[in-house]
Amino acid sequence: MNTLALRTAYQHELLTEKDLTQVCAAHHPISFSKGAQIVETDTIADGYLVLESGLIRSYVIDFNGKDITTNFFTQGEIVIEVSSLFQRIPAKESIEALTDCVGWKIDFQDFQKLFHTLEGFREWGRAWMANSLFEFKQRSVAMIADSATERYHKLMETKPEVFQHSSLKHIASYLGVTDTSLSRIRKETAKA
């Protein structure tokens, strides 16, 4: 079992080697074909995964029936519908593979056992959740305070693979712009 992706995702000073071995053993390999639905709206998420390779997006359908991308997940990231998984409620977001993907899944019950028995895993979980909240807050503020061009450049900087494997409509909706605006930003960026 090649656990490098897991060991990277679960780095925390309080996780011992024994703990990491236990955490890795609780995951099972999983793969998805391009276009596969990993989590569907109105279902309760039964686990989460560490993405080893590929590109995944989460999205919602807004009140007008428009598909809006809410996040892109890249190699080494945790792919999760947090509210559904931890509150045990139907998902508001769907999660879809944009490419063929390989990852490591942990089921909710196995996560719960580890969370309640391994102090280091609990601390890792708290740190991960705090970091996720921080990133969410930064993105929320950026959607209001930053220009569309700035948001485009930030996405190019942090997740360049999105531009290689995602459709322009998904990128545009994630950035909060129209397809036409995204085309203009791309042209201006190419000239610079």
C-alpha atoms as a PDB file:
ATOM      1  CA  MET A   1       0.000   0.000   0.000  1.00  0.00           C
ATOM      2  CA  ASN A   2       1.588   3.271  -1.144  1.00  0.00           C
ATOM      3  CA  THR A   3       0.509   5.695   1.572  1.00  0.00           C
ATOM      4  CA  LEU A   4       2.556   8.775   0.617  1.00  0.00           C
ATOM      5  CA  ALA A   5      -0.566  10.822  -0.229  1.00  0.00           C
ATOM      6  CA  LEU A   6      -2.132   9.865   3.096  1.00  0.00           C
ATOM      7  CA  ARG A   7       1.011  10.528   5.112  1.00  0.00           C
ATOM      8  CA  THR A   8       1.311  13.938   3.457  1.00  0.00           C
ATOM      9  CA  ALA A   9      -2.339  14.851   4.079  1.00  0.00           C
ATOM     10  CA  TYR A  10      -2.222  13.748   7.713  1.00  0.00           C
ATOM     11  CA  GLN A  11       0.958  15.511   8.792  1.00  0.00           C
ATOM     12  CA  HIS A  12       0.615  16.723  12.363  1.00  0.00           C
ATOM     13  CA  GLU A  13       3.115  16.868  15.202  1.00  0.00           C
ATOM     14  CA  LEU A  14       0.867  14.858  17.537  1.00  0.00           C
ATOM     15  CA  LEU A  15       0.343  11.970  15.113  1.00  0.00           C
ATOM     16  CA  THR A  16       2.864   9.263  15.954  1.00  0.00           C
ATOM     17  CA  GLU A  17       4.133   6.702  13.442  1.00  0.00           C
ATOM     18  CA  LYS A  18       1.836   4.129  15.067  1.00  0.00           C
ATOM     19  CA  ASP A  19      -1.117   6.553  14.733  1.00  0.00           C
ATOM     20  CA  LEU A  20      -0.304   7.225  11.070  1.00  0.00           C
ATOM     21  CA  THR A  21      -0.174   3.509  10.357  1.00  0.00           C
ATOM     22  CA  GLN A  22      -3.607   3.108  11.941  1.00  0.00           C
ATOM     23  CA  VAL A  23      -5.024   6.111  10.035  1.00  0.00           C
ATOM     24  CA  CYS A  24      -3.637   4.844   6.714  1.00  0.00           C
ATOM     25  CA  ALA A  25      -5.035   1.357   7.340  1.00  0.00           C
ATOM     26  CA  ALA A  26      -8.537   2.833   7.795  1.00  0.00           C
ATOM     27  CA  HIS A  27      -8.519   4.101   4.187  1.00  0.00           C
ATOM     28  CA  HIS A  28      -9.160   2.044   1.093  1.00  0.00           C
ATOM     29  CA  PRO A  29      -8.113   2.842  -2.467  1.00  0.00           C
ATOM     30  CA  ILE A  30     -10.830   4.186  -4.725  1.00  0.00           C
ATOM     31  CA  SER A  31     -10.936   5.405  -8.300  1.00  0.00           C
ATOM     32  CA  PHE A  32     -13.406   7.397 -10.337  1.00  0.00           C
ATOM     33  CA  SER A  33     -13.783   7.868 -14.060  1.00  0.00           C
ATOM     34  CA  LYS A  34     -14.093  11.340 -15.535  1.00  0.00           C
ATOM     35  CA  GLY A  35     -17.666  12.565 -14.998  1.00  0.00           C
ATOM     36  CA  ALA A  36     -18.396  10.264 -12.046  1.00  0.00           C
ATOM     37  CA  GLN A  37     -20.548  11.709  -9.268  1.00  0.00           C
ATOM     38  CA  ILE A  38     -18.715  11.219  -5.967  1.00  0.00           C
ATOM     39  CA  VAL A  39     -21.343  12.903  -3.794  1.00  0.00           C
ATOM     40  CA  GLU A  40     -24.808  13.728  -5.098  1.00  0.00           C
ATOM     41  CA  THR A  41     -27.126  16.443  -3.841  1.00  0.00           C
ATOM     42  CA  ASP A  42     -29.711  15.223  -1.323  1.00  0.00           C
ATOM     43  CA  THR A  43     -27.658  12.186  -0.270  1.00  0.00           C
ATOM     44  CA  ILE A  44     -25.763  11.916   2.994  1.00  0.00           C
ATOM     45  CA  ALA A  45     -22.000  11.724   2.519  1.00  0.00           C
ATOM     46  CA  ASP A  46     -20.635   8.433   3.855  1.00  0.00           C
ATOM     47  CA  GLY A  47     -16.959   9.409   4.037  1.00  0.00           C
ATOM     48  CA  TYR A  48     -14.272  11.551   2.497  1.00  0.00           C
ATOM     49  CA  LEU A  49     -11.170  10.937   0.442  1.00  0.00           C
ATOM     50  CA  VAL A  50      -7.601  12.068   0.059  1.00  0.00           C
ATOM     51  CA  LEU A  51      -7.030  12.741  -3.639  1.00  0.00           C
ATOM     52  CA  GLU A  52      -3.878  11.077  -4.932  1.00  0.00           C
ATOM     53  CA  SER A  53      -4.285  12.109  -8.575  1.00  0.00           C
ATOM     54  CA  GLY A  54      -6.833  13.857 -10.750  1.00  0.00           C
ATOM     55  CA  LEU A  55      -9.098  16.884 -10.510  1.00  0.00           C
ATOM     56  CA  ILE A  56     -12.461  17.069  -8.748  1.00  0.00           C
ATOM     57  CA  ARG A  57     -14.957  19.888  -8.344  1.00  0.00           C
ATOM     58  CA  SER A  58     -17.837  20.590  -5.996  1.00  0.00           C
ATOM     59  CA  TYR A  59     -20.840  22.504  -7.272  1.00  0.00           C
ATOM     60  CA  VAL A  60     -24.374  23.602  -6.516  1.00  0.00           C
ATOM     61  CA  ILE A  61     -27.354  24.332  -8.713  1.00  0.00           C
ATOM     62  CA  ASP A  62     -28.550  27.839  -7.848  1.00  0.00           C
ATOM     63  CA  PHE A  63     -32.152  29.062  -7.599  1.00  0.00           C
ATOM     64  CA  ASN A  64     -32.156  29.771 -11.359  1.00  0.00           C
ATOM     65  CA  GLY A  65     -30.988  26.248 -12.195  1.00  0.00           C
ATOM     66  CA  LYS A  66     -27.451  27.394 -13.010  1.00  0.00           C
ATOM     67  CA  ASP A  67     -24.473  25.133 -12.242  1.00  0.00           C
ATOM     68  CA  ILE A  68     -22.005  27.007  -9.964  1.00  0.00           C
ATOM     69  CA  THR A  69     -18.608  25.527  -9.098  1.00  0.00           C
ATOM     70  CA  THR A  70     -17.838  26.039  -5.404  1.00  0.00           C
ATOM     71  CA  ASN A  71     -14.398  24.415  -5.215  1.00  0.00           C
ATOM     72  CA  PHE A  72     -11.717  22.520  -7.090  1.00  0.00           C
ATOM     73  CA  PHE A  73      -9.818  19.688  -5.389  1.00  0.00           C
ATOM     74  CA  THR A  74      -6.321  18.801  -6.552  1.00  0.00           C
ATOM     75  CA  GLN A  75      -3.666  16.245  -5.661  1.00  0.00           C
ATOM     76  CA  GLY A  76      -3.137  15.804  -1.924  1.00  0.00           C
ATOM     77  CA  GLU A  77      -6.331  17.582  -0.885  1.00  0.00           C
ATOM     78  CA  ILE A  78      -9.191  16.230   1.175  1.00  0.00           C
ATOM     79  CA  VAL A  79     -12.359  15.891  -0.895  1.00  0.00           C
ATOM     80  CA  ILE A  80     -15.296  16.293   1.431  1.00  0.00           C
ATOM     81  CA  GLU A  81     -18.824  17.642   1.756  1.00  0.00           C
ATOM     82  CA  VAL A  82     -18.308  18.813   5.328  1.00  0.00           C
ATOM     83  CA  SER A  83     -21.868  19.698   6.328  1.00  0.00           C
ATOM     84  CA  SER A  84     -23.360  16.481   5.045  1.00  0.00           C
ATOM     85  CA  LEU A  85     -20.667  14.262   6.510  1.00  0.00           C
ATOM     86  CA  PHE A  86     -20.439  15.719  10.003  1.00  0.00           C
ATOM     87  CA  GLN A  87     -24.001  16.917  10.521  1.00  0.00           C
ATOM     88  CA  ARG A  88     -25.415  13.766   8.844  1.00  0.00           C
ATOM     89  CA  ILE A  89     -27.725  15.849   6.630  1.00  0.00           C
ATOM     90  CA  PRO A  90     -28.443  15.645   2.882  1.00  0.00           C
ATOM     91  CA  ALA A  91     -25.734  17.293   0.795  1.00  0.00           C
ATOM     92  CA  LYS A  92     -26.396  20.695  -0.738  1.00  0.00           C
ATOM     93  CA  GLU A  93     -23.365  20.314  -2.992  1.00  0.00           C
ATOM     94  CA  SER A  94     -22.510  17.665  -5.533  1.00  0.00           C
ATOM     95  CA  ILE A  95     -18.944  16.473  -6.073  1.00  0.00           C
ATOM     96  CA  GLU A  96     -17.799  15.343  -9.518  1.00  0.00           C
ATOM     97  CA  ALA A  97     -14.606  13.938 -11.041  1.00  0.00           C
ATOM     98  CA  LEU A  98     -13.346  16.215 -13.833  1.00  0.00           C
ATOM     99  CA  THR A  99     -10.666  13.699 -14.794  1.00  0.00           C
ATOM    100  CA  ASP A 100     -10.001  10.076 -14.015  1.00  0.00           C
ATOM    101  CA  CYS A 101      -9.108  10.135 -10.308  1.00  0.00           C
ATOM    102  CA  VAL A 102      -7.415   7.931  -7.743  1.00  0.00           C
ATOM    103  CA  GLY A 103      -7.732   8.471  -4.023  1.00  0.00           C
ATOM    104  CA  TRP A 104      -7.976   6.971  -0.565  1.00  0.00           C
ATOM    105  CA  LYS A 105     -11.394   6.886   1.089  1.00  0.00           C
ATOM    106  CA  ILE A 106     -12.236   6.648   4.757  1.00  0.00           C
ATOM    107  CA  ASP A 107     -15.789   5.798   5.764  1.00  0.00           C
ATOM    108  CA  PHE A 108     -17.565   7.927   8.358  1.00  0.00           C
ATOM    109  CA  GLN A 109     -17.681   5.188  11.008  1.00  0.00           C
ATOM    110  CA  ASP A 110     -13.945   4.496  10.664  1.00  0.00           C
ATOM    111  CA  PHE A 111     -13.250   8.223  10.902  1.00  0.00           C
ATOM    112  CA  GLN A 112     -15.354   8.412  14.069  1.00  0.00           C
ATOM    113  CA  LYS A 113     -13.461   5.524  15.689  1.00  0.00           C
ATOM    114  CA  LEU A 114     -10.102   7.146  14.952  1.00  0.00           C
ATOM    115  CA  PHE A 115     -11.312  10.564  16.065  1.00  0.00           C
ATOM    116  CA  HIS A 116     -12.452   9.202  19.422  1.00  0.00           C
ATOM    117  CA  THR A 117      -9.412   7.009  20.082  1.00  0.00           C
ATOM    118  CA  LEU A 118      -6.391   8.923  18.714  1.00  0.00           C
ATOM    119  CA  GLU A 119      -5.592  12.276  20.290  1.00  0.00           C
ATOM    120  CA  GLY A 120      -3.242  13.172  17.434  1.00  0.00           C
ATOM    121  CA  PHE A 121      -5.961  12.473  14.877  1.00  0.00           C
ATOM    122  CA  ARG A 122      -8.398  14.686  16.805  1.00  0.00           C
ATOM    123  CA  GLU A 123      -5.839  17.493  16.847  1.00  0.00           C
ATOM    124  CA  TRP A 124      -5.131  17.014  13.152  1.00  0.00           C
ATOM    125  CA  GLY A 125      -8.902  17.228  12.509  1.00  0.00           C
ATOM    126  CA  ARG A 126      -9.235  20.437  14.492  1.00  0.00           C
ATOM    127  CA  ALA A 127      -6.273  21.982  12.667  1.00  0.00           C
ATOM    128  CA  TRP A 128      -7.643  20.879   9.286  1.00  0.00           C
ATOM    129  CA  MET A 129     -11.075  22.323  10.071  1.00  0.00           C
ATOM    130  CA  ALA A 130      -9.579  25.618  11.293  1.00  0.00           C
ATOM    131  CA  ASN A 131      -7.481  25.899   8.133  1.00  0.00           C
ATOM    132  CA  SER A 132     -10.519  25.112   5.970  1.00  0.00           C
ATOM    133  CA  LEU A 133     -12.518  27.816   7.739  1.00  0.00           C
ATOM    134  CA  PHE A 134      -9.656  30.273   7.190  1.00  0.00           C
ATOM    135  CA  GLU A 135      -9.511  29.430   3.459  1.00  0.00           C
ATOM    136  CA  PHE A 136     -13.297  29.731   3.161  1.00  0.00           C
ATOM    137  CA  LYS A 137     -13.208  33.155   4.812  1.00  0.00           C
ATOM    138  CA  GLN A 138     -10.394  34.310   2.515  1.00  0.00           C
ATOM    139  CA  ARG A 139     -12.332  33.161  -0.558  1.00  0.00           C
ATOM    140  CA  SER A 140     -15.551  34.840   0.657  1.00  0.00           C
ATOM    141  CA  VAL A 141     -13.752  38.148   1.164  1.00  0.00           C
ATOM    142  CA  ALA A 142     -11.883  37.828  -2.145  1.00  0.00           C
ATOM    143  CA  MET A 143     -15.188  37.378  -4.018  1.00  0.00           C
ATOM    144  CA  ILE A 144     -16.194  40.817  -2.745  1.00  0.00           C
ATOM    145  CA  ALA A 145     -12.917  42.711  -2.386  1.00  0.00           C
ATOM    146  CA  ASP A 146     -10.745  41.396  -5.239  1.00  0.00           C
ATOM    147  CA  SER A 147     -11.242  42.007  -8.926  1.00  0.00           C
ATOM    148  CA  ALA A 148     -12.113  39.094 -11.198  1.00  0.00           C
ATOM    149  CA  THR A 149      -8.624  39.385 -12.707  1.00  0.00           C
ATOM    150  CA  GLU A 150      -7.031  39.075  -9.265  1.00  0.00           C
ATOM    151  CA  ARG A 151      -9.149  36.006  -8.494  1.00  0.00           C
ATOM    152  CA  TYR A 152      -8.154  34.499 -11.859  1.00  0.00           C
ATOM    153  CA  HIS A 153      -4.449  35.025 -11.158  1.00  0.00           C
ATOM    154  CA  LYS A 154      -4.780  33.574  -7.649  1.00  0.00           C
ATOM    155  CA  LEU A 155      -6.422  30.433  -9.046  1.00  0.00           C
ATOM    156  CA  MET A 156      -3.710  30.135 -11.712  1.00  0.00           C
ATOM    157  CA  GLU A 157      -1.079  30.471  -8.992  1.00  0.00           C
ATOM    158  CA  THR A 158      -2.550  27.999  -6.526  1.00  0.00           C
ATOM    159  CA  LYS A 159      -4.185  25.407  -8.796  1.00  0.00           C
ATOM    160  CA  PRO A 160      -2.777  25.623 -12.343  1.00  0.00           C
ATOM    161  CA  GLU A 161      -4.081  22.133 -13.182  1.00  0.00           C
ATOM    162  CA  VAL A 162      -7.614  23.536 -13.101  1.00  0.00           C
ATOM    163  CA  PHE A 163      -6.858  25.417 -16.328  1.00  0.00           C
ATOM    164  CA  GLN A 164      -5.614  22.242 -18.002  1.00  0.00           C
ATOM    165  CA  HIS A 165      -8.498  19.961 -17.062  1.00  0.00           C
ATOM    166  CA  SER A 166     -11.613  22.023 -16.351  1.00  0.00           C
ATOM    167  CA  SER A 167     -14.054  23.638 -18.740  1.00  0.00           C
ATOM    168  CA  LEU A 168     -14.099  27.425 -18.975  1.00  0.00           C
ATOM    169  CA  LYS A 169     -17.714  27.481 -17.751  1.00  0.00           C
ATOM    170  CA  HIS A 170     -16.679  25.746 -14.507  1.00  0.00           C
ATOM    171  CA  ILE A 171     -13.776  28.168 -14.025  1.00  0.00           C
ATOM    172  CA  ALA A 172     -15.977  31.185 -14.796  1.00  0.00           C
ATOM    173  CA  SER A 173     -18.655  30.132 -12.316  1.00  0.00           C
ATOM    174  CA  TYR A 174     -16.015  29.496  -9.630  1.00  0.00           C
ATOM    175  CA  LEU A 175     -14.588  32.980 -10.193  1.00  0.00           C
ATOM    176  CA  GLY A 176     -18.056  34.538 -10.179  1.00  0.00           C
ATOM    177  CA  VAL A 177     -17.834  35.859 -13.749  1.00  0.00           C
ATOM    178  CA  THR A 178     -19.514  35.181 -17.067  1.00  0.00           C
ATOM    179  CA  ASP A 179     -17.852  33.097 -19.765  1.00  0.00           C
ATOM    180  CA  THR A 180     -17.398  36.314 -21.788  1.00  0.00           C
ATOM    181  CA  SER A 181     -15.655  38.077 -18.894  1.00  0.00           C
ATOM    182  CA  LEU A 182     -13.370  35.098 -18.391  1.00  0.00           C
ATOM    183  CA  SER A 183     -12.425  35.160 -22.093  1.00  0.00           C
ATOM    184  CA  ARG A 184     -11.570  38.873 -21.790  1.00  0.00           C
ATOM    185  CA  ILE A 185      -9.448  38.260 -18.671  1.00  0.00           C
ATOM    186  CA  ARG A 186      -7.600  35.422 -20.410  1.00  0.00           C
ATOM    187  CA  LYS A 187      -6.878  37.614 -23.460  1.00  0.00           C
ATOM    188  CA  GLU A 188      -5.634  40.481 -21.284  1.00  0.00           C
ATOM    189  CA  THR A 189      -3.441  38.093 -19.282  1.00  0.00           C
ATOM    190  CA  ALA A 190      -1.988  36.571 -22.452  1.00  0.00           C
ATOM    191  CA  LYS A 191      -1.006  40.059 -23.723  1.00  0.00           C
ATOM    192  CA  ALA A 192       0.713  41.030 -20.457  1.00  0.00           C
END
